Full PDB file with SEQRES, HELIX, SHEET, SSBOND, CRYST1, ORIGX, SCALE, CONECT and MASTER records, all heavy atoms in Angstrom:
SEQRES   1 A   30  SER LEU SER LEU GLN MET ASN SER LEU GLU PRO GLU ASP          
SEQRES   2 A   30  THR ALA LEU TYR TYR CYS ALA ALA ARG ARG ALA ARG ASN          
SEQRES   3 A   30  TRP TRP GLN CYS                                              
HELIX    1 AA1 PRO A   11  ASP A   13  5                                   3    
HELIX    2 AA2 TRP A   27  GLN A   29  5                                   3    
CRYST1    1.000    1.000    1.000  90.00  90.00  90.00 P 1           1          
ORIGX1      1.000000  0.000000  0.000000        0.00000                         
ORIGX2      0.000000  1.000000  0.000000        0.00000                         
ORIGX3      0.000000  0.000000  1.000000        0.00000                         
SCALE1      1.000000  0.000000  0.000000        0.00000                         
SCALE2      0.000000  1.000000  0.000000        0.00000                         
SCALE3      0.000000  0.000000  1.000000        0.00000                         
ATOM      1  N   SER A   1      34.330 -31.456 -10.337  1.00  0.00           N  
ATOM      2  CA  SER A   1      33.967 -32.675 -10.975  1.00  0.00           C  
ATOM      3  C   SER A   1      33.036 -33.641 -10.266  1.00  0.00           C  
ATOM      4  O   SER A   1      32.850 -33.409  -9.011  1.00  0.00           O  
ATOM      5  CB  SER A   1      35.209 -33.505 -11.419  1.00  0.00           C  
ATOM      6  OG  SER A   1      35.815 -33.918 -10.243  1.00  0.00           O  
ATOM      7  N   LEU A   2      32.306 -34.495 -10.910  1.00  0.00           N  
ATOM      8  CA  LEU A   2      31.368 -35.395 -10.259  1.00  0.00           C  
ATOM      9  C   LEU A   2      31.908 -36.844 -10.593  1.00  0.00           C  
ATOM     10  O   LEU A   2      32.307 -37.098 -11.762  1.00  0.00           O  
ATOM     11  CB  LEU A   2      30.106 -35.181 -10.726  1.00  0.00           C  
ATOM     12  CG  LEU A   2      28.929 -36.204 -10.410  1.00  0.00           C  
ATOM     13  CD1 LEU A   2      28.402 -35.809  -9.023  1.00  0.00           C  
ATOM     14  CD2 LEU A   2      27.748 -36.053 -11.414  1.00  0.00           C  
ATOM     15  N   SER A   3      31.833 -37.758  -9.637  1.00  0.00           N  
ATOM     16  CA  SER A   3      32.191 -39.059  -9.969  1.00  0.00           C  
ATOM     17  C   SER A   3      31.127 -40.139  -9.516  1.00  0.00           C  
ATOM     18  O   SER A   3      30.202 -39.777  -8.780  1.00  0.00           O  
ATOM     19  CB  SER A   3      33.390 -39.435  -8.978  1.00  0.00           C  
ATOM     20  OG  SER A   3      34.650 -38.732  -9.491  1.00  0.00           O  
ATOM     21  N   LEU A   4      31.100 -41.265 -10.130  1.00  0.00           N  
ATOM     22  CA  LEU A   4      30.284 -42.225  -9.706  1.00  0.00           C  
ATOM     23  C   LEU A   4      31.066 -43.628  -9.680  1.00  0.00           C  
ATOM     24  O   LEU A   4      31.533 -44.058 -10.714  1.00  0.00           O  
ATOM     25  CB  LEU A   4      29.196 -42.538 -10.795  1.00  0.00           C  
ATOM     26  CG  LEU A   4      28.157 -43.679 -10.492  1.00  0.00           C  
ATOM     27  CD1 LEU A   4      27.124 -43.238  -9.240  1.00  0.00           C  
ATOM     28  CD2 LEU A   4      27.172 -43.848 -11.653  1.00  0.00           C  
ATOM     29  N   GLN A   5      31.343 -44.072  -8.399  1.00  0.00           N  
ATOM     30  CA  GLN A   5      31.954 -45.364  -8.265  1.00  0.00           C  
ATOM     31  C   GLN A   5      31.055 -46.430  -8.371  1.00  0.00           C  
ATOM     32  O   GLN A   5      30.048 -46.479  -7.621  1.00  0.00           O  
ATOM     33  CB  GLN A   5      32.667 -45.310  -6.876  1.00  0.00           C  
ATOM     34  CG  GLN A   5      33.457 -46.626  -6.574  1.00  0.00           C  
ATOM     35  CD  GLN A   5      34.553 -46.880  -7.454  1.00  0.00           C  
ATOM     36  OE1 GLN A   5      35.474 -45.969  -7.676  1.00  0.00           O  
ATOM     37  NE2 GLN A   5      34.674 -48.098  -7.946  1.00  0.00           N  
ATOM     38  N   MET A   6      31.136 -47.347  -9.305  1.00  0.00           N  
ATOM     39  CA  MET A   6      30.193 -48.500  -9.504  1.00  0.00           C  
ATOM     40  C   MET A   6      30.971 -49.790  -9.174  1.00  0.00           C  
ATOM     41  O   MET A   6      31.957 -50.237  -9.741  1.00  0.00           O  
ATOM     42  CB  MET A   6      29.805 -48.432 -11.004  1.00  0.00           C  
ATOM     43  CG  MET A   6      29.440 -47.071 -11.454  1.00  0.00           C  
ATOM     44  SD  MET A   6      29.353 -46.936 -13.392  1.00  0.00           S  
ATOM     45  CE  MET A   6      28.105 -48.077 -13.654  1.00  0.00           C  
ATOM     46  N   ASN A   7      30.488 -50.444  -8.144  1.00  0.00           N  
ATOM     47  CA  ASN A   7      30.912 -51.718  -7.713  1.00  0.00           C  
ATOM     48  C   ASN A   7      29.822 -52.741  -7.855  1.00  0.00           C  
ATOM     49  O   ASN A   7      28.705 -52.516  -8.056  1.00  0.00           O  
ATOM     50  CB  ASN A   7      31.348 -51.637  -6.181  1.00  0.00           C  
ATOM     51  CG  ASN A   7      32.399 -50.755  -5.983  1.00  0.00           C  
ATOM     52  OD1 ASN A   7      33.375 -50.498  -6.788  1.00  0.00           O  
ATOM     53  ND2 ASN A   7      32.391 -50.070  -4.691  1.00  0.00           N  
ATOM     54  N   SER A   8      30.302 -54.079  -7.798  1.00  0.00           N  
ATOM     55  CA  SER A   8      29.294 -55.109  -7.998  1.00  0.00           C  
ATOM     56  C   SER A   8      28.541 -55.078  -9.180  1.00  0.00           C  
ATOM     57  O   SER A   8      27.285 -55.203  -9.119  1.00  0.00           O  
ATOM     58  CB  SER A   8      28.525 -55.348  -6.735  1.00  0.00           C  
ATOM     59  OG  SER A   8      29.413 -55.612  -5.618  1.00  0.00           O  
ATOM     60  N   LEU A   9      29.071 -54.711 -10.386  1.00  0.00           N  
ATOM     61  CA  LEU A   9      28.352 -54.358 -11.498  1.00  0.00           C  
ATOM     62  C   LEU A   9      27.641 -55.624 -12.038  1.00  0.00           C  
ATOM     63  O   LEU A   9      28.153 -56.728 -12.016  1.00  0.00           O  
ATOM     64  CB  LEU A   9      29.181 -53.823 -12.634  1.00  0.00           C  
ATOM     65  CG  LEU A   9      29.595 -52.384 -12.469  1.00  0.00           C  
ATOM     66  CD1 LEU A   9      30.913 -51.961 -13.171  1.00  0.00           C  
ATOM     67  CD2 LEU A   9      28.487 -51.467 -12.713  1.00  0.00           C  
ATOM     68  N   GLU A  10      26.524 -55.412 -12.638  1.00  0.00           N  
ATOM     69  CA  GLU A  10      25.582 -56.435 -13.138  1.00  0.00           C  
ATOM     70  C   GLU A  10      25.385 -56.106 -14.590  1.00  0.00           C  
ATOM     71  O   GLU A  10      25.388 -54.927 -15.083  1.00  0.00           O  
ATOM     72  CB  GLU A  10      24.344 -56.521 -12.462  1.00  0.00           C  
ATOM     73  CG  GLU A  10      24.502 -56.665 -10.929  1.00  0.00           C  
ATOM     74  CD  GLU A  10      23.144 -56.386 -10.145  1.00  0.00           C  
ATOM     75  OE1 GLU A  10      22.200 -56.011 -10.676  1.00  0.00           O  
ATOM     76  OE2 GLU A  10      23.181 -56.762  -8.897  1.00  0.00           O  
ATOM     77  N   PRO A  11      25.012 -57.088 -15.408  1.00  0.00           N  
ATOM     78  CA  PRO A  11      24.573 -56.942 -16.833  1.00  0.00           C  
ATOM     79  C   PRO A  11      23.573 -55.815 -16.987  1.00  0.00           C  
ATOM     80  O   PRO A  11      23.497 -55.152 -17.984  1.00  0.00           O  
ATOM     81  CB  PRO A  11      24.188 -58.257 -17.231  1.00  0.00           C  
ATOM     82  CG  PRO A  11      25.044 -59.283 -16.479  1.00  0.00           C  
ATOM     83  CD  PRO A  11      25.132 -58.558 -15.104  1.00  0.00           C  
ATOM     84  N   GLU A  12      22.690 -55.872 -16.060  1.00  0.00           N  
ATOM     85  CA  GLU A  12      21.520 -54.895 -16.097  1.00  0.00           C  
ATOM     86  C   GLU A  12      21.964 -53.458 -15.895  1.00  0.00           C  
ATOM     87  O   GLU A  12      21.208 -52.415 -16.207  1.00  0.00           O  
ATOM     88  CB  GLU A  12      20.513 -55.126 -14.991  1.00  0.00           C  
ATOM     89  CG  GLU A  12      19.701 -56.420 -15.130  1.00  0.00           C  
ATOM     90  CD  GLU A  12      20.530 -57.775 -14.829  1.00  0.00           C  
ATOM     91  OE1 GLU A  12      21.586 -57.571 -14.175  1.00  0.00           O  
ATOM     92  OE2 GLU A  12      20.170 -58.816 -15.225  1.00  0.00           O  
ATOM     93  N   ASP A  13      23.206 -53.164 -15.518  1.00  0.00           N  
ATOM     94  CA  ASP A  13      23.786 -51.893 -15.356  1.00  0.00           C  
ATOM     95  C   ASP A  13      24.252 -51.325 -16.808  1.00  0.00           C  
ATOM     96  O   ASP A  13      24.700 -50.166 -16.931  1.00  0.00           O  
ATOM     97  CB  ASP A  13      24.950 -51.815 -14.387  1.00  0.00           C  
ATOM     98  CG  ASP A  13      24.487 -52.009 -13.048  1.00  0.00           C  
ATOM     99  OD1 ASP A  13      23.447 -51.618 -12.616  1.00  0.00           O  
ATOM    100  OD2 ASP A  13      25.220 -52.935 -12.296  1.00  0.00           O  
ATOM    101  N   THR A  14      24.251 -52.230 -17.848  1.00  0.00           N  
ATOM    102  CA  THR A  14      24.720 -51.777 -19.201  1.00  0.00           C  
ATOM    103  C   THR A  14      23.776 -50.599 -19.751  1.00  0.00           C  
ATOM    104  O   THR A  14      22.562 -50.915 -19.821  1.00  0.00           O  
ATOM    105  CB  THR A  14      24.706 -53.005 -20.133  1.00  0.00           C  
ATOM    106  OG1 THR A  14      25.669 -54.050 -19.547  1.00  0.00           O  
ATOM    107  CG2 THR A  14      25.158 -52.706 -21.515  1.00  0.00           C  
ATOM    108  N   ALA A  15      24.446 -49.569 -20.015  1.00  0.00           N  
ATOM    109  CA  ALA A  15      23.758 -48.411 -20.490  1.00  0.00           C  
ATOM    110  C   ALA A  15      24.597 -47.316 -20.876  1.00  0.00           C  
ATOM    111  O   ALA A  15      25.895 -47.445 -20.597  1.00  0.00           O  
ATOM    112  CB  ALA A  15      22.683 -47.848 -19.422  1.00  0.00           C  
ATOM    113  N   LEU A  16      24.141 -46.316 -21.622  1.00  0.00           N  
ATOM    114  CA  LEU A  16      24.795 -45.082 -21.815  1.00  0.00           C  
ATOM    115  C   LEU A  16      24.559 -44.150 -20.578  1.00  0.00           C  
ATOM    116  O   LEU A  16      23.316 -43.943 -20.295  1.00  0.00           O  
ATOM    117  CB  LEU A  16      24.327 -44.387 -23.128  1.00  0.00           C  
ATOM    118  CG  LEU A  16      25.106 -43.192 -23.436  1.00  0.00           C  
ATOM    119  CD1 LEU A  16      26.560 -43.564 -23.885  1.00  0.00           C  
ATOM    120  CD2 LEU A  16      24.380 -42.544 -24.666  1.00  0.00           C  
ATOM    121  N   TYR A  17      25.637 -43.844 -19.970  1.00  0.00           N  
ATOM    122  CA  TYR A  17      25.549 -43.050 -18.772  1.00  0.00           C  
ATOM    123  C   TYR A  17      25.753 -41.554 -18.944  1.00  0.00           C  
ATOM    124  O   TYR A  17      26.817 -41.176 -19.510  1.00  0.00           O  
ATOM    125  CB  TYR A  17      26.458 -43.583 -17.702  1.00  0.00           C  
ATOM    126  CG  TYR A  17      26.124 -44.796 -17.003  1.00  0.00           C  
ATOM    127  CD1 TYR A  17      26.093 -45.977 -17.674  1.00  0.00           C  
ATOM    128  CD2 TYR A  17      25.703 -44.860 -15.663  1.00  0.00           C  
ATOM    129  CE1 TYR A  17      25.589 -47.152 -17.095  1.00  0.00           C  
ATOM    130  CE2 TYR A  17      25.280 -46.019 -15.037  1.00  0.00           C  
ATOM    131  CZ  TYR A  17      25.177 -47.215 -15.776  1.00  0.00           C  
ATOM    132  OH  TYR A  17      24.807 -48.295 -15.082  1.00  0.00           O  
ATOM    133  N   TYR A  18      24.897 -40.675 -18.462  1.00  0.00           N  
ATOM    134  CA  TYR A  18      24.990 -39.215 -18.659  1.00  0.00           C  
ATOM    135  C   TYR A  18      25.153 -38.619 -17.377  1.00  0.00           C  
ATOM    136  O   TYR A  18      24.550 -38.878 -16.322  1.00  0.00           O  
ATOM    137  CB  TYR A  18      23.534 -38.786 -19.289  1.00  0.00           C  
ATOM    138  CG  TYR A  18      23.320 -39.341 -20.589  1.00  0.00           C  
ATOM    139  CD1 TYR A  18      22.400 -40.355 -20.837  1.00  0.00           C  
ATOM    140  CD2 TYR A  18      23.673 -38.551 -21.734  1.00  0.00           C  
ATOM    141  CE1 TYR A  18      22.110 -40.769 -22.048  1.00  0.00           C  
ATOM    142  CE2 TYR A  18      23.467 -39.001 -22.990  1.00  0.00           C  
ATOM    143  CZ  TYR A  18      22.694 -40.135 -23.195  1.00  0.00           C  
ATOM    144  OH  TYR A  18      22.253 -40.625 -24.426  1.00  0.00           O  
ATOM    145  N   CYS A  19      25.939 -37.543 -17.430  1.00  0.00           N  
ATOM    146  CA  CYS A  19      26.096 -36.651 -16.234  1.00  0.00           C  
ATOM    147  C   CYS A  19      25.087 -35.518 -16.562  1.00  0.00           C  
ATOM    148  O   CYS A  19      25.008 -35.073 -17.681  1.00  0.00           O  
ATOM    149  CB  CYS A  19      27.532 -36.150 -16.310  1.00  0.00           C  
ATOM    150  SG  CYS A  19      27.927 -34.794 -15.069  1.00  0.00           S  
ATOM    151  N   ALA A  20      24.552 -34.987 -15.522  1.00  0.00           N  
ATOM    152  CA  ALA A  20      23.584 -33.970 -15.614  1.00  0.00           C  
ATOM    153  C   ALA A  20      23.627 -32.850 -14.404  1.00  0.00           C  
ATOM    154  O   ALA A  20      24.028 -33.254 -13.305  1.00  0.00           O  
ATOM    155  CB  ALA A  20      22.118 -34.452 -15.765  1.00  0.00           C  
ATOM    156  N   ALA A  21      23.137 -31.683 -14.661  1.00  0.00           N  
ATOM    157  CA  ALA A  21      23.196 -30.689 -13.538  1.00  0.00           C  
ATOM    158  C   ALA A  21      21.779 -29.935 -13.568  1.00  0.00           C  
ATOM    159  O   ALA A  21      21.132 -29.802 -14.634  1.00  0.00           O  
ATOM    160  CB  ALA A  21      24.236 -29.621 -13.881  1.00  0.00           C  
ATOM    161  N   ARG A  22      21.243 -29.726 -12.469  1.00  0.00           N  
ATOM    162  CA  ARG A  22      20.078 -29.057 -12.187  1.00  0.00           C  
ATOM    163  C   ARG A  22      20.229 -27.701 -11.547  1.00  0.00           C  
ATOM    164  O   ARG A  22      21.066 -27.636 -10.474  1.00  0.00           O  
ATOM    165  CB  ARG A  22      18.967 -29.869 -11.486  1.00  0.00           C  
ATOM    166  CG  ARG A  22      17.647 -29.216 -11.449  1.00  0.00           C  
ATOM    167  CD  ARG A  22      16.729 -30.083 -10.493  1.00  0.00           C  
ATOM    168  NE  ARG A  22      15.282 -29.472 -10.676  1.00  0.00           N  
ATOM    169  CZ  ARG A  22      14.315 -29.540  -9.656  1.00  0.00           C  
ATOM    170  NH1 ARG A  22      14.812 -30.165  -8.492  1.00  0.00           N  
ATOM    171  NH2 ARG A  22      13.251 -29.024  -9.913  1.00  0.00           N  
ATOM    172  N   ARG A  23      19.591 -26.678 -11.948  1.00  0.00           N  
ATOM    173  CA  ARG A  23      19.742 -25.321 -11.229  1.00  0.00           C  
ATOM    174  C   ARG A  23      18.879 -25.423  -9.889  1.00  0.00           C  
ATOM    175  O   ARG A  23      17.904 -24.825  -9.740  1.00  0.00           O  
ATOM    176  CB  ARG A  23      19.127 -24.193 -12.032  1.00  0.00           C  
ATOM    177  CG  ARG A  23      20.053 -24.076 -13.361  1.00  0.00           C  
ATOM    178  CD  ARG A  23      19.717 -22.812 -14.142  1.00  0.00           C  
ATOM    179  NE  ARG A  23      18.387 -22.707 -14.532  1.00  0.00           N  
ATOM    180  CZ  ARG A  23      17.979 -22.995 -15.834  1.00  0.00           C  
ATOM    181  NH1 ARG A  23      18.889 -23.402 -16.713  1.00  0.00           N  
ATOM    182  NH2 ARG A  23      16.638 -23.070 -16.149  1.00  0.00           N  
ATOM    183  N   ALA A  24      19.448 -26.051  -8.970  1.00  0.00           N  
ATOM    184  CA  ALA A  24      18.994 -26.236  -7.613  1.00  0.00           C  
ATOM    185  C   ALA A  24      20.197 -26.644  -6.759  1.00  0.00           C  
ATOM    186  O   ALA A  24      21.139 -27.096  -7.203  1.00  0.00           O  
ATOM    187  CB  ALA A  24      17.947 -27.182  -7.504  1.00  0.00           C  
ATOM    188  N   ARG A  25      20.019 -26.546  -5.422  1.00  0.00           N  
ATOM    189  CA  ARG A  25      21.177 -26.707  -4.499  1.00  0.00           C  
ATOM    190  C   ARG A  25      20.900 -27.653  -3.337  1.00  0.00           C  
ATOM    191  O   ARG A  25      21.825 -28.206  -2.767  1.00  0.00           O  
ATOM    192  CB  ARG A  25      21.811 -25.538  -4.120  1.00  0.00           C  
ATOM    193  CG  ARG A  25      22.149 -24.585  -5.206  1.00  0.00           C  
ATOM    194  CD  ARG A  25      22.605 -23.267  -4.717  1.00  0.00           C  
ATOM    195  NE  ARG A  25      23.859 -23.263  -3.962  1.00  0.00           N  
ATOM    196  CZ  ARG A  25      24.683 -22.332  -3.648  1.00  0.00           C  
ATOM    197  NH1 ARG A  25      24.292 -21.049  -4.095  1.00  0.00           N  
ATOM    198  NH2 ARG A  25      25.777 -22.543  -2.959  1.00  0.00           N  
ATOM    199  N   ASN A  26      19.642 -27.854  -3.019  1.00  0.00           N  
ATOM    200  CA  ASN A  26      19.266 -28.605  -1.759  1.00  0.00           C  
ATOM    201  C   ASN A  26      18.848 -30.020  -2.022  1.00  0.00           C  
ATOM    202  O   ASN A  26      18.264 -30.244  -3.140  1.00  0.00           O  
ATOM    203  CB  ASN A  26      18.172 -27.847  -1.080  1.00  0.00           C  
ATOM    204  CG  ASN A  26      18.654 -26.408  -0.786  1.00  0.00           C  
ATOM    205  OD1 ASN A  26      17.878 -25.517  -1.183  1.00  0.00           O  
ATOM    206  ND2 ASN A  26      19.681 -26.228   0.073  1.00  0.00           N  
ATOM    207  N   TRP A  27      19.153 -30.941  -1.097  1.00  0.00           N  
ATOM    208  CA  TRP A  27      18.852 -32.347  -1.367  1.00  0.00           C  
ATOM    209  C   TRP A  27      17.508 -32.746  -1.861  1.00  0.00           C  
ATOM    210  O   TRP A  27      17.336 -33.544  -2.703  1.00  0.00           O  
ATOM    211  CB  TRP A  27      19.359 -33.122  -0.179  1.00  0.00           C  
ATOM    212  CG  TRP A  27      18.469 -33.109   1.011  1.00  0.00           C  
ATOM    213  CD1 TRP A  27      18.532 -32.297   2.129  1.00  0.00           C  
ATOM    214  CD2 TRP A  27      17.303 -33.883   1.186  1.00  0.00           C  
ATOM    215  NE1 TRP A  27      17.392 -32.563   2.874  1.00  0.00           N  
ATOM    216  CE2 TRP A  27      16.682 -33.578   2.390  1.00  0.00           C  
ATOM    217  CE3 TRP A  27      16.583 -34.893   0.399  1.00  0.00           C  
ATOM    218  CZ2 TRP A  27      15.510 -34.184   2.943  1.00  0.00           C  
ATOM    219  CZ3 TRP A  27      15.576 -35.469   0.995  1.00  0.00           C  
ATOM    220  CH2 TRP A  27      14.886 -35.206   2.119  1.00  0.00           C  
ATOM    221  N   TRP A  28      16.408 -32.017  -1.277  1.00  0.00           N  
ATOM    222  CA  TRP A  28      15.104 -32.339  -1.638  1.00  0.00           C  
ATOM    223  C   TRP A  28      14.737 -31.956  -3.001  1.00  0.00           C  
ATOM    224  O   TRP A  28      13.699 -32.336  -3.602  1.00  0.00           O  
ATOM    225  CB  TRP A  28      14.190 -31.722  -0.697  1.00  0.00           C  
ATOM    226  CG  TRP A  28      14.093 -30.257  -0.558  1.00  0.00           C  
ATOM    227  CD1 TRP A  28      13.362 -29.349  -1.378  1.00  0.00           C  
ATOM    228  CD2 TRP A  28      14.901 -29.287   0.260  1.00  0.00           C  
ATOM    229  NE1 TRP A  28      13.697 -28.071  -0.985  1.00  0.00           N  
ATOM    230  CE2 TRP A  28      14.593 -28.087  -0.008  1.00  0.00           C  
ATOM    231  CE3 TRP A  28      15.806 -29.687   1.264  1.00  0.00           C  
ATOM    232  CZ2 TRP A  28      15.294 -27.020   0.773  1.00  0.00           C  
ATOM    233  CZ3 TRP A  28      16.488 -28.638   1.949  1.00  0.00           C  
ATOM    234  CH2 TRP A  28      16.113 -27.242   1.661  1.00  0.00           C  
ATOM    235  N   GLN A  29      15.572 -31.098  -3.664  1.00  0.00           N  
ATOM    236  CA  GLN A  29      15.448 -30.686  -5.057  1.00  0.00           C  
ATOM    237  C   GLN A  29      16.243 -31.517  -6.043  1.00  0.00           C  
ATOM    238  O   GLN A  29      16.109 -31.476  -7.246  1.00  0.00           O  
ATOM    239  CB  GLN A  29      15.872 -29.246  -5.269  1.00  0.00           C  
ATOM    240  CG  GLN A  29      15.032 -28.261  -4.356  1.00  0.00           C  
ATOM    241  CD  GLN A  29      15.549 -26.847  -4.468  1.00  0.00           C  
ATOM    242  OE1 GLN A  29      16.702 -26.496  -4.026  1.00  0.00           O  
ATOM    243  NE2 GLN A  29      14.769 -25.927  -5.062  1.00  0.00           N  
ATOM    244  N   CYS A  30      17.135 -32.437  -5.441  1.00  0.00           N  
ATOM    245  CA  CYS A  30      18.029 -33.204  -6.332  1.00  0.00           C  
ATOM    246  C   CYS A  30      17.497 -34.660  -6.338  1.00  0.00           C  
ATOM    247  O   CYS A  30      18.330 -35.601  -6.373  1.00  0.00           O  
ATOM    248  CB  CYS A  30      19.336 -33.274  -5.608  1.00  0.00           C  
ATOM    249  SG  CYS A  30      20.142 -31.566  -5.462  1.00  0.00           S  
TER     250      CYS A  30                                                      
MASTER        0    0    0    2    0    0    0    6  249    1    0    3          
END                                                                             
């Protein structure tokens, strides 16, 4: 699984949040 801990939330953070995966593995590709 993947998580996103969101602290100090602001009204500007309001949105529909999507989880996504890319067929790559190294940080410069992410």
